[in-house]
């Protein structure tokens, strides 16, 4: 029973570690700026062309909404930001320039997809590292269990030639009866 508890604890620890690592990225999300301004939901977004669609879907509303893009958020704050961005496009800015201006004003957390530069690359690498570490932990636990269970080592196909299986009185009786049947 003690071995079972030890194994169960290892599984729980490994699962907890993997879950905690995978969910730790939640803290990296934006908590929003200027919380509470313009939170009244009304109307529709009203995207007029593909350029606006690309721009609005790439930027996050920072009014305190649950991390919605400007392409979906219907609050008054998002409506004002869309009007400002439409004016930037009318003044000759392209989508990338408007995104950069918005990110400069509200921070990089206002981008729907963080740029893959500098320390932001960790956002993409950390989940991969955690998956590899979790797989390694599972493999290590399984190997330790197979060694403790007394079975053959995982790298060999069976018992080593130096070890002969132990025989008891029933093995001897079985051999005698088989010899009698052959005669």
N, C-alpha and C. Protein backbone atom coordinates (compact mmCIF):
# COMPACT_ATOMS: atom_id res chain seq x y z
N UNK A 1 0.82 -1.19 0.00
CA UNK A 1 0.00 0.00 0.00
C UNK A 1 0.86 1.25 0.00
N UNK A 2 1.99 1.16 0.66
CA UNK A 2 2.89 2.30 0.75
C UNK A 2 3.47 2.65 -0.62
N UNK A 3 3.79 1.62 -1.42
CA UNK A 3 4.32 1.89 -2.76
C UNK A 3 3.27 2.58 -3.62
N UNK A 4 2.03 2.15 -3.47
CA UNK A 4 0.95 2.78 -4.23
C UNK A 4 0.82 4.25 -3.86
N UNK A 5 0.88 4.56 -2.58
CA UNK A 5 0.77 5.96 -2.15
C UNK A 5 1.93 6.79 -2.69
N UNK A 6 3.12 6.22 -2.67
CA UNK A 6 4.29 6.94 -3.19
C UNK A 6 4.12 7.21 -4.68
N UNK A 7 3.67 6.21 -5.41
CA UNK A 7 3.44 6.39 -6.85
C UNK A 7 2.36 7.43 -7.09
N UNK A 8 1.29 7.34 -6.33
CA UNK A 8 0.19 8.28 -6.49
C UNK A 8 0.66 9.69 -6.20
N UNK A 9 1.45 9.88 -5.17
CA UNK A 9 1.98 11.21 -4.86
C UNK A 9 2.83 11.74 -6.00
N UNK A 10 3.67 10.88 -6.57
CA UNK A 10 4.52 11.32 -7.68
C UNK A 10 3.67 11.77 -8.86
N UNK A 11 2.62 11.03 -9.14
CA UNK A 11 1.74 11.41 -10.25
C UNK A 11 1.08 12.75 -9.95
N UNK A 12 0.61 12.91 -8.73
CA UNK A 12 -0.04 14.18 -8.35
C UNK A 12 0.94 15.33 -8.44
N UNK A 13 2.17 15.13 -7.95
CA UNK A 13 3.19 16.20 -8.03
C UNK A 13 3.49 16.54 -9.49
N UNK A 14 3.66 15.52 -10.33
CA UNK A 14 3.97 15.79 -11.74
C UNK A 14 2.82 16.51 -12.42
N UNK A 15 1.59 16.08 -12.15
CA UNK A 15 0.43 16.72 -12.76
C UNK A 15 0.28 18.15 -12.27
N UNK A 16 0.51 18.36 -10.98
CA UNK A 16 0.40 19.71 -10.42
C UNK A 16 1.46 20.63 -11.03
N UNK A 17 2.67 20.12 -11.16
CA UNK A 17 3.75 20.92 -11.76
C UNK A 17 3.42 21.27 -13.20
N UNK A 18 2.94 20.29 -13.96
CA UNK A 18 2.61 20.56 -15.36
C UNK A 18 1.45 21.56 -15.47
N UNK A 19 0.43 21.39 -14.63
CA UNK A 19 -0.71 22.30 -14.66
C UNK A 19 -0.30 23.71 -14.26
N UNK A 20 0.50 23.82 -13.20
CA UNK A 20 0.94 25.14 -12.74
C UNK A 20 1.79 25.84 -13.79
N UNK A 21 2.65 25.09 -14.45
CA UNK A 21 3.48 25.69 -15.49
C UNK A 21 2.66 26.15 -16.68
N UNK A 22 1.68 25.34 -17.05
CA UNK A 22 0.86 25.70 -18.21
C UNK A 22 -0.03 26.90 -17.92
N UNK A 23 -0.50 27.01 -16.69
CA UNK A 23 -1.40 28.12 -16.37
C UNK A 23 -0.67 29.36 -15.89
N UNK A 24 0.63 29.29 -15.69
CA UNK A 24 1.35 30.47 -15.20
C UNK A 24 1.36 31.59 -16.23
N UNK A 25 1.11 31.26 -17.47
CA UNK A 25 1.10 32.29 -18.50
C UNK A 25 -0.13 33.17 -18.43
N UNK A 26 -1.14 32.73 -17.66
CA UNK A 26 -2.35 33.53 -17.54
C UNK A 26 -2.02 34.89 -16.94
N UNK A 27 -1.05 34.95 -16.04
CA UNK A 27 -0.67 36.21 -15.41
C UNK A 27 -0.04 37.19 -16.37
N UNK A 28 0.39 36.68 -17.53
CA UNK A 28 1.01 37.57 -18.51
C UNK A 28 -0.02 38.37 -19.31
N UNK A 29 -1.29 37.98 -19.20
CA UNK A 29 -2.31 38.69 -19.95
C UNK A 29 -2.52 40.09 -19.39
N UNK A 30 -3.04 40.93 -20.21
CA UNK A 30 -3.31 42.30 -19.79
C UNK A 30 -4.44 42.35 -18.78
N UNK A 31 -4.28 43.17 -17.78
CA UNK A 31 -5.33 43.38 -16.82
C UNK A 31 -6.18 44.59 -17.21
N UNK A 32 -5.79 45.26 -18.26
CA UNK A 32 -6.56 46.39 -18.77
C UNK A 32 -6.11 47.70 -18.14
N UNK A 33 -6.25 48.78 -18.90
CA UNK A 33 -5.92 50.10 -18.40
C UNK A 33 -7.21 50.91 -18.40
N UNK A 34 -7.23 51.93 -17.63
CA UNK A 34 -8.39 52.81 -17.54
C UNK A 34 -9.66 51.99 -17.30
N UNK A 35 -9.61 51.11 -16.31
CA UNK A 35 -10.72 50.20 -16.02
C UNK A 35 -11.97 51.01 -15.68
N UNK A 36 -13.05 50.58 -16.25
CA UNK A 36 -14.32 51.19 -15.93
C UNK A 36 -14.76 52.27 -16.90
N UNK A 37 -13.90 52.76 -17.76
CA UNK A 37 -14.29 53.81 -18.68
C UNK A 37 -14.93 53.19 -19.91
N UNK A 38 -16.13 53.60 -20.21
CA UNK A 38 -16.78 53.18 -21.44
C UNK A 38 -17.23 51.74 -21.44
N UNK A 39 -17.53 51.15 -20.30
CA UNK A 39 -17.88 49.74 -20.24
C UNK A 39 -19.32 49.47 -20.65
N UNK A 40 -20.08 50.48 -21.00
CA UNK A 40 -21.46 50.27 -21.42
C UNK A 40 -21.46 49.62 -22.79
N UNK A 41 -22.09 48.47 -22.87
CA UNK A 41 -22.12 47.72 -24.13
C UNK A 41 -23.36 48.11 -24.92
N UNK A 42 -23.15 48.47 -26.17
CA UNK A 42 -24.29 48.80 -27.00
C UNK A 42 -23.86 48.79 -28.46
N UNK A 43 -24.81 48.49 -29.32
CA UNK A 43 -24.56 48.58 -30.75
C UNK A 43 -23.69 47.47 -31.30
N UNK A 44 -23.18 47.72 -32.48
CA UNK A 44 -22.31 46.77 -33.16
C UNK A 44 -20.98 47.44 -33.46
N UNK A 45 -20.04 46.63 -33.93
CA UNK A 45 -18.70 47.15 -34.20
C UNK A 45 -18.69 47.96 -35.49
N UNK A 46 -19.25 47.47 -36.54
CA UNK A 46 -19.32 48.21 -37.80
C UNK A 46 -17.99 48.35 -38.51
N UNK A 47 -17.40 47.24 -38.90
CA UNK A 47 -16.14 47.26 -39.66
C UNK A 47 -16.48 47.52 -41.12
N UNK A 48 -15.78 48.48 -41.72
CA UNK A 48 -16.16 48.94 -43.06
C UNK A 48 -15.38 48.28 -44.19
N UNK A 49 -14.14 47.81 -43.94
CA UNK A 49 -13.36 47.18 -45.02
C UNK A 49 -12.34 46.21 -44.42
N UNK A 50 -11.60 45.53 -45.28
CA UNK A 50 -10.64 44.52 -44.83
C UNK A 50 -9.47 45.13 -44.07
N UNK A 51 -9.07 46.34 -44.43
CA UNK A 51 -7.98 47.00 -43.71
C UNK A 51 -8.38 47.24 -42.26
N UNK A 52 -9.60 47.73 -42.05
CA UNK A 52 -10.10 47.94 -40.69
C UNK A 52 -10.21 46.60 -39.95
N UNK A 53 -10.69 45.59 -40.65
CA UNK A 53 -10.84 44.27 -40.03
C UNK A 53 -9.49 43.76 -39.53
N UNK A 54 -8.48 43.87 -40.38
CA UNK A 54 -7.14 43.42 -39.99
C UNK A 54 -6.61 44.21 -38.80
N UNK A 55 -6.82 45.52 -38.82
CA UNK A 55 -6.33 46.38 -37.75
C UNK A 55 -7.09 46.14 -36.44
N UNK A 56 -8.41 46.14 -36.49
CA UNK A 56 -9.21 46.01 -35.27
C UNK A 56 -9.04 44.64 -34.61
N UNK A 57 -8.89 43.60 -35.42
CA UNK A 57 -8.73 42.26 -34.85
C UNK A 57 -7.32 42.04 -34.31
N UNK A 58 -6.39 42.93 -34.60
CA UNK A 58 -5.03 42.76 -34.09
C UNK A 58 -4.77 43.57 -32.82
N UNK A 59 -5.75 44.37 -32.40
CA UNK A 59 -5.59 45.22 -31.21
C UNK A 59 -6.63 44.87 -30.16
N UNK A 60 -6.24 44.99 -28.90
CA UNK A 60 -7.10 44.62 -27.79
C UNK A 60 -7.69 45.87 -27.15
N UNK A 61 -8.95 45.77 -26.78
CA UNK A 61 -9.61 46.85 -26.05
C UNK A 61 -9.07 46.84 -24.63
N UNK A 62 -8.57 47.96 -24.16
CA UNK A 62 -7.95 48.02 -22.83
C UNK A 62 -8.83 48.75 -21.81
N UNK A 63 -10.14 48.71 -22.02
CA UNK A 63 -11.06 49.38 -21.09
C UNK A 63 -11.31 48.55 -19.85
N UNK A 64 -10.92 47.31 -19.86
CA UNK A 64 -11.22 46.41 -18.75
C UNK A 64 -12.08 45.25 -19.20
N UNK A 65 -12.40 45.20 -20.48
CA UNK A 65 -13.14 44.07 -21.02
C UNK A 65 -12.29 42.81 -20.85
N UNK A 66 -12.90 41.67 -20.93
CA UNK A 66 -12.12 40.43 -20.76
C UNK A 66 -11.24 40.13 -21.99
N UNK A 67 -10.31 40.99 -22.25
CA UNK A 67 -9.32 40.86 -23.34
C UNK A 67 -9.99 40.61 -24.70
N UNK A 68 -10.91 41.45 -25.04
CA UNK A 68 -11.56 41.38 -26.35
C UNK A 68 -10.81 42.28 -27.33
N UNK A 69 -10.86 41.90 -28.59
CA UNK A 69 -10.24 42.75 -29.61
C UNK A 69 -11.18 43.90 -29.94
N UNK A 70 -10.62 44.90 -30.57
CA UNK A 70 -11.46 46.04 -31.00
C UNK A 70 -12.44 45.59 -32.08
N UNK A 71 -12.18 44.44 -32.69
CA UNK A 71 -13.08 43.91 -33.70
C UNK A 71 -14.33 43.28 -33.11
N UNK A 72 -14.35 43.01 -31.79
CA UNK A 72 -15.51 42.38 -31.17
C UNK A 72 -16.10 43.19 -30.02
N UNK A 73 -15.33 44.03 -29.40
CA UNK A 73 -15.80 44.77 -28.22
C UNK A 73 -16.77 45.87 -28.65
N UNK A 74 -17.90 45.94 -27.96
CA UNK A 74 -18.92 46.93 -28.32
C UNK A 74 -19.06 48.04 -27.30
N UNK A 75 -18.07 48.19 -26.41
CA UNK A 75 -18.17 49.25 -25.40
C UNK A 75 -17.87 50.62 -26.04
N UNK A 76 -18.23 51.65 -25.33
CA UNK A 76 -18.02 53.01 -25.83
C UNK A 76 -16.55 53.36 -25.98
N UNK A 77 -15.71 52.83 -25.07
CA UNK A 77 -14.28 53.09 -25.13
C UNK A 77 -13.70 52.52 -26.43
N UNK A 78 -14.10 51.28 -26.78
CA UNK A 78 -13.62 50.65 -28.01
C UNK A 78 -14.10 51.42 -29.24
N UNK A 79 -15.33 51.94 -29.18
CA UNK A 79 -15.86 52.74 -30.29
C UNK A 79 -14.99 53.98 -30.53
N UNK A 80 -14.59 54.65 -29.42
CA UNK A 80 -13.72 55.83 -29.54
C UNK A 80 -12.36 55.45 -30.13
N UNK A 81 -11.79 54.31 -29.71
CA UNK A 81 -10.48 53.88 -30.23
C UNK A 81 -10.58 53.53 -31.71
N UNK A 82 -11.68 52.89 -32.12
CA UNK A 82 -11.86 52.58 -33.54
C UNK A 82 -11.95 53.87 -34.36
N UNK A 83 -12.61 54.88 -33.83
CA UNK A 83 -12.70 56.17 -34.54
C UNK A 83 -11.32 56.79 -34.70
N UNK A 84 -10.51 56.74 -33.63
CA UNK A 84 -9.14 57.27 -33.72
C UNK A 84 -8.31 56.49 -34.74
N UNK A 85 -8.45 55.18 -34.74
CA UNK A 85 -7.69 54.36 -35.69
C UNK A 85 -8.15 54.60 -37.12
N UNK A 86 -9.44 54.79 -37.32
CA UNK A 86 -9.94 55.11 -38.67
C UNK A 86 -9.34 56.43 -39.14
N UNK A 87 -9.22 57.39 -38.23
CA UNK A 87 -8.62 58.67 -38.59
C UNK A 87 -7.14 58.49 -38.96
N UNK A 88 -6.43 57.63 -38.21
CA UNK A 88 -5.02 57.36 -38.54
C UNK A 88 -4.90 56.77 -39.94
N UNK A 89 -5.80 55.82 -40.26
CA UNK A 89 -5.78 55.23 -41.61
C UNK A 89 -6.10 56.29 -42.66
N UNK A 90 -7.03 57.18 -42.38
CA UNK A 90 -7.39 58.24 -43.32
C UNK A 90 -6.25 59.23 -43.50
N UNK A 91 -5.41 59.40 -42.45
CA UNK A 91 -4.26 60.31 -42.54
C UNK A 91 -3.09 59.69 -43.30
N UNK A 92 -3.23 58.43 -43.75
CA UNK A 92 -2.18 57.82 -44.57
C UNK A 92 -1.35 56.76 -43.87
N UNK A 93 -1.64 56.45 -42.64
CA UNK A 93 -0.89 55.38 -41.95
C UNK A 93 -1.34 54.02 -42.50
N UNK A 94 -0.39 53.09 -42.52
CA UNK A 94 -0.78 51.72 -42.87
C UNK A 94 -1.11 50.96 -41.59
N UNK A 95 -1.50 49.71 -41.72
CA UNK A 95 -1.93 48.91 -40.57
C UNK A 95 -0.80 48.77 -39.54
N UNK A 96 0.42 48.49 -40.01
CA UNK A 96 1.54 48.29 -39.09
C UNK A 96 1.86 49.57 -38.30
N UNK A 97 1.80 50.71 -38.98
CA UNK A 97 2.08 51.96 -38.30
C UNK A 97 0.99 52.28 -37.26
N UNK A 98 -0.26 52.01 -37.60
CA UNK A 98 -1.35 52.24 -36.66
C UNK A 98 -1.22 51.30 -35.45
N UNK A 99 -0.84 50.05 -35.70
CA UNK A 99 -0.62 49.11 -34.60
C UNK A 99 0.50 49.60 -33.68
N UNK A 100 1.57 50.07 -34.28
CA UNK A 100 2.71 50.56 -33.49
C UNK A 100 2.30 51.78 -32.65
N UNK A 101 1.53 52.68 -33.23
CA UNK A 101 1.08 53.86 -32.49
C UNK A 101 0.17 53.46 -31.33
N UNK A 102 -0.72 52.50 -31.56
CA UNK A 102 -1.63 52.02 -30.51
C UNK A 102 -0.83 51.33 -29.40
N UNK A 103 0.14 50.50 -29.79
CA UNK A 103 0.97 49.80 -28.80
C UNK A 103 1.83 50.79 -28.02
N UNK A 104 2.29 51.85 -28.67
CA UNK A 104 3.08 52.85 -27.97
C UNK A 104 2.23 53.58 -26.92
N UNK A 105 1.00 53.82 -27.26
CA UNK A 105 0.11 54.55 -26.37
C UNK A 105 -0.39 53.68 -25.20
N UNK A 106 -0.73 52.41 -25.48
CA UNK A 106 -1.35 51.56 -24.45
C UNK A 106 -0.46 50.40 -23.99
N UNK A 107 0.72 50.29 -24.54
CA UNK A 107 1.63 49.22 -24.14
C UNK A 107 1.51 47.99 -25.04
N UNK A 108 2.51 47.13 -24.96
CA UNK A 108 2.52 45.96 -25.84
C UNK A 108 1.42 44.97 -25.50
N UNK A 109 0.85 45.04 -24.28
CA UNK A 109 -0.25 44.14 -23.93
C UNK A 109 -1.52 44.48 -24.71
N UNK A 110 -1.54 45.61 -25.39
CA UNK A 110 -2.70 46.00 -26.19
C UNK A 110 -2.70 45.34 -27.56
N UNK A 111 -1.66 44.60 -27.88
CA UNK A 111 -1.62 43.85 -29.13
C UNK A 111 -2.24 42.47 -28.89
N UNK A 112 -3.09 42.02 -29.81
CA UNK A 112 -3.75 40.73 -29.65
C UNK A 112 -2.72 39.59 -29.68
N UNK A 113 -1.72 39.72 -30.54
CA UNK A 113 -0.65 38.73 -30.62
C UNK A 113 0.65 39.47 -30.35
N UNK A 114 1.33 39.13 -29.25
CA UNK A 114 2.58 39.83 -28.94
C UNK A 114 3.62 39.59 -30.03
N UNK A 115 4.44 40.59 -30.31
CA UNK A 115 5.47 40.40 -31.34
C UNK A 115 6.51 39.38 -30.87
N UNK A 116 7.03 38.62 -31.80
CA UNK A 116 8.03 37.59 -31.47
C UNK A 116 9.42 38.21 -31.49
N UNK A 117 9.65 39.14 -30.59
CA UNK A 117 10.95 39.79 -30.49
C UNK A 117 11.33 39.91 -29.03
N UNK A 118 12.62 39.92 -28.77
CA UNK A 118 13.13 40.14 -27.42
C UNK A 118 12.58 39.16 -26.40
N UNK A 119 12.22 39.68 -25.25
CA UNK A 119 11.73 38.83 -24.17
C UNK A 119 10.35 38.26 -24.45
N UNK A 120 9.64 38.80 -25.42
CA UNK A 120 8.34 38.25 -25.78
C UNK A 120 8.45 36.84 -26.36
N UNK A 121 9.61 36.46 -26.82
CA UNK A 121 9.79 35.11 -27.34
C UNK A 121 9.57 34.07 -26.25
N UNK A 122 9.79 34.46 -25.00
CA UNK A 122 9.55 33.53 -23.89
C UNK A 122 8.10 33.07 -23.84
N UNK A 123 7.19 33.94 -24.26
CA UNK A 123 5.78 33.58 -24.26
C UNK A 123 5.54 32.37 -25.15
N UNK A 124 6.31 32.25 -26.21
CA UNK A 124 6.16 31.14 -27.13
C UNK A 124 7.00 29.94 -26.71
N UNK A 125 8.14 30.17 -26.07
CA UNK A 125 9.04 29.08 -25.71
C UNK A 125 8.68 28.38 -24.40
N UNK A 126 8.15 29.10 -23.44
CA UNK A 126 7.87 28.52 -22.12
C UNK A 126 6.91 27.33 -22.23
N UNK A 127 5.80 27.40 -22.96
CA UNK A 127 4.94 26.22 -23.05
C UNK A 127 5.64 25.01 -23.65
N UNK A 128 6.47 25.23 -24.65
CA UNK A 128 7.19 24.11 -25.25
C UNK A 128 8.16 23.48 -24.26
N UNK A 129 8.87 24.31 -23.52
CA UNK A 129 9.81 23.79 -22.52
C UNK A 129 9.05 23.01 -21.44
N UNK A 130 7.91 23.53 -21.01
CA UNK A 130 7.12 22.84 -19.99
C UNK A 130 6.59 21.50 -20.49
N UNK A 131 6.20 21.43 -21.75
CA UNK A 131 5.73 20.17 -22.31
C UNK A 131 6.85 19.14 -22.33
N UNK A 132 8.04 19.55 -22.75
CA UNK A 132 9.19 18.64 -22.79
C UNK A 132 9.55 18.19 -21.38
N UNK A 133 9.54 19.12 -20.42
CA UNK A 133 9.86 18.76 -19.04
C UNK A 133 8.81 17.80 -18.47
N UNK A 134 7.55 18.03 -18.77
CA UNK A 134 6.49 17.14 -18.30
C UNK A 134 6.63 15.74 -18.88
N UNK A 135 6.96 15.66 -20.17
CA UNK A 135 7.16 14.35 -20.79
C UNK A 135 8.36 13.65 -20.17
N UNK A 136 9.42 14.39 -19.90
CA UNK A 136 10.59 13.80 -19.25
C UNK A 136 10.27 13.29 -17.85
N UNK A 137 9.45 14.05 -17.11
CA UNK A 137 9.06 13.62 -15.76
C UNK A 137 8.22 12.35 -15.81
N UNK A 138 7.30 12.27 -16.77
CA UNK A 138 6.47 11.07 -16.91
C UNK A 138 7.35 9.87 -17.25
N UNK A 139 8.29 10.03 -18.17
CA UNK A 139 9.18 8.93 -18.54
C UNK A 139 10.02 8.50 -17.35
N UNK A 140 10.55 9.44 -16.59
CA UNK A 140 11.37 9.11 -15.43
C UNK A 140 10.55 8.35 -14.38
N UNK A 141 9.32 8.77 -14.14
CA UNK A 141 8.47 8.08 -13.17
C UNK A 141 8.15 6.67 -13.64
N UNK A 142 7.81 6.53 -14.90
CA UNK A 142 7.50 5.20 -15.43
C UNK A 142 8.71 4.26 -15.35
N UNK A 143 9.88 4.77 -15.65
CA UNK A 143 11.09 3.95 -15.55
C UNK A 143 11.36 3.54 -14.11
N UNK A 144 11.19 4.47 -13.18
CA UNK A 144 11.44 4.12 -11.77
C UNK A 144 10.43 3.09 -11.29
N UNK A 145 9.19 3.18 -11.75
CA UNK A 145 8.19 2.19 -11.36
C UNK A 145 8.53 0.81 -11.92
N UNK A 146 8.98 0.77 -13.17
CA UNK A 146 9.29 -0.53 -13.75
C UNK A 146 10.49 -1.17 -13.06
N UNK A 147 11.43 -0.37 -12.60
CA UNK A 147 12.58 -0.92 -11.86
C UNK A 147 12.15 -1.42 -10.49
N UNK A 148 11.27 -0.70 -9.82
CA UNK A 148 10.82 -1.08 -8.49
C UNK A 148 9.91 -2.30 -8.52
N UNK A 149 9.20 -2.51 -9.62
CA UNK A 149 8.26 -3.62 -9.68
C UNK A 149 8.97 -4.96 -9.85
N UNK A 150 10.26 -4.95 -10.10
CA UNK A 150 11.02 -6.18 -10.22
C UNK A 150 10.96 -6.78 -11.61
N UNK A 151 10.33 -6.14 -12.52
CA UNK A 151 10.26 -6.63 -13.88
C UNK A 151 11.59 -6.43 -14.58
N UNK A 152 11.68 -6.86 -15.82
CA UNK A 152 12.92 -6.68 -16.56
C UNK A 152 13.21 -5.21 -16.78
N UNK A 153 14.48 -4.84 -16.84
CA UNK A 153 14.81 -3.45 -17.13
C UNK A 153 14.23 -3.04 -18.47
N UNK A 154 13.85 -1.77 -18.65
CA UNK A 154 13.21 -1.35 -19.89
C UNK A 154 14.08 -1.51 -21.12
N UNK A 155 15.40 -1.52 -20.97
CA UNK A 155 16.24 -1.59 -22.16
C UNK A 155 16.49 -3.01 -22.63
N UNK A 156 16.17 -4.04 -21.81
CA UNK A 156 16.39 -5.42 -22.25
C UNK A 156 15.07 -6.09 -22.50
N UNK A 157 15.11 -7.17 -23.26
CA UNK A 157 13.90 -7.87 -23.65
C UNK A 157 13.44 -8.90 -22.65
N UNK A 158 14.20 -9.28 -21.66
CA UNK A 158 13.79 -10.31 -20.72
C UNK A 158 14.78 -10.43 -19.60
N UNK A 159 14.71 -11.54 -18.87
CA UNK A 159 15.65 -11.70 -17.76
C UNK A 159 17.06 -11.90 -18.27
N UNK A 160 18.02 -11.42 -17.50
CA UNK A 160 19.41 -11.55 -17.91
C UNK A 160 19.83 -13.01 -17.82
N UNK A 161 20.81 -13.46 -18.65
CA UNK A 161 21.20 -14.87 -18.65
C UNK A 161 21.83 -15.30 -17.33
N UNK A 162 22.39 -14.37 -16.54
CA UNK A 162 23.02 -14.73 -15.29
C UNK A 162 21.99 -15.13 -14.24
N UNK A 163 20.78 -14.64 -14.36
CA UNK A 163 19.75 -14.96 -13.37
C UNK A 163 18.85 -16.06 -13.90
N UNK A 164 18.74 -17.12 -13.13
CA UNK A 164 17.82 -18.19 -13.49
C UNK A 164 16.61 -18.06 -12.59
N UNK A 165 15.45 -18.33 -13.14
CA UNK A 165 14.27 -18.23 -12.30
C UNK A 165 14.32 -19.27 -11.18
N UNK A 166 13.84 -18.90 -10.01
CA UNK A 166 13.86 -19.84 -8.89
C UNK A 166 12.79 -20.90 -9.11
N UNK A 167 13.10 -22.09 -8.67
CA UNK A 167 12.17 -23.21 -8.83
C UNK A 167 11.68 -23.63 -7.45
N UNK A 168 10.45 -24.04 -7.40
CA UNK A 168 9.92 -24.53 -6.14
C UNK A 168 9.41 -25.95 -6.33
N UNK A 169 8.75 -26.51 -5.32
CA UNK A 169 8.33 -27.91 -5.36
C UNK A 169 7.28 -28.15 -6.43
N UNK A 170 6.47 -27.12 -6.75
CA UNK A 170 5.44 -27.29 -7.78
C UNK A 170 6.07 -27.41 -9.17
N UNK A 171 7.17 -26.71 -9.39
CA UNK A 171 7.86 -26.82 -10.67
C UNK A 171 8.39 -28.25 -10.84
N UNK A 172 8.94 -28.82 -9.77
CA UNK A 172 9.46 -30.19 -9.83
C UNK A 172 8.33 -31.18 -10.12
N UNK A 173 7.19 -31.04 -9.44
CA UNK A 173 6.06 -31.93 -9.66
C UNK A 173 5.55 -31.82 -11.09
N UNK A 174 5.50 -30.59 -11.61
CA UNK A 174 5.04 -30.39 -12.98
C UNK A 174 5.97 -31.07 -13.96
N UNK A 175 7.28 -30.94 -13.75
CA UNK A 175 8.24 -31.60 -14.63
C UNK A 175 8.07 -33.11 -14.61
N UNK A 176 7.87 -33.70 -13.42
CA UNK A 176 7.69 -35.15 -13.30
C UNK A 176 6.45 -35.60 -14.05
N UNK A 177 5.34 -34.88 -13.89
CA UNK A 177 4.11 -35.26 -14.56
C UNK A 177 4.23 -35.14 -16.07
N UNK A 178 4.94 -34.12 -16.54
CA UNK A 178 5.14 -33.97 -17.99
C UNK A 178 5.98 -35.12 -18.54
N UNK A 179 6.98 -35.58 -17.77
CA UNK A 179 7.79 -36.70 -18.22
C UNK A 179 6.95 -37.97 -18.29
N UNK A 180 6.07 -38.17 -17.32
CA UNK A 180 5.21 -39.34 -17.31
C UNK A 180 4.25 -39.32 -18.50
N UNK A 181 3.79 -38.15 -18.86
CA UNK A 181 2.86 -38.05 -20.00
C UNK A 181 3.57 -38.35 -21.31
N UNK A 182 4.85 -37.99 -21.41
CA UNK A 182 5.60 -38.23 -22.63
C UNK A 182 5.87 -39.72 -22.83
N UNK A 183 5.92 -40.51 -21.76
CA UNK A 183 6.26 -41.94 -21.86
C UNK A 183 5.15 -42.78 -22.33
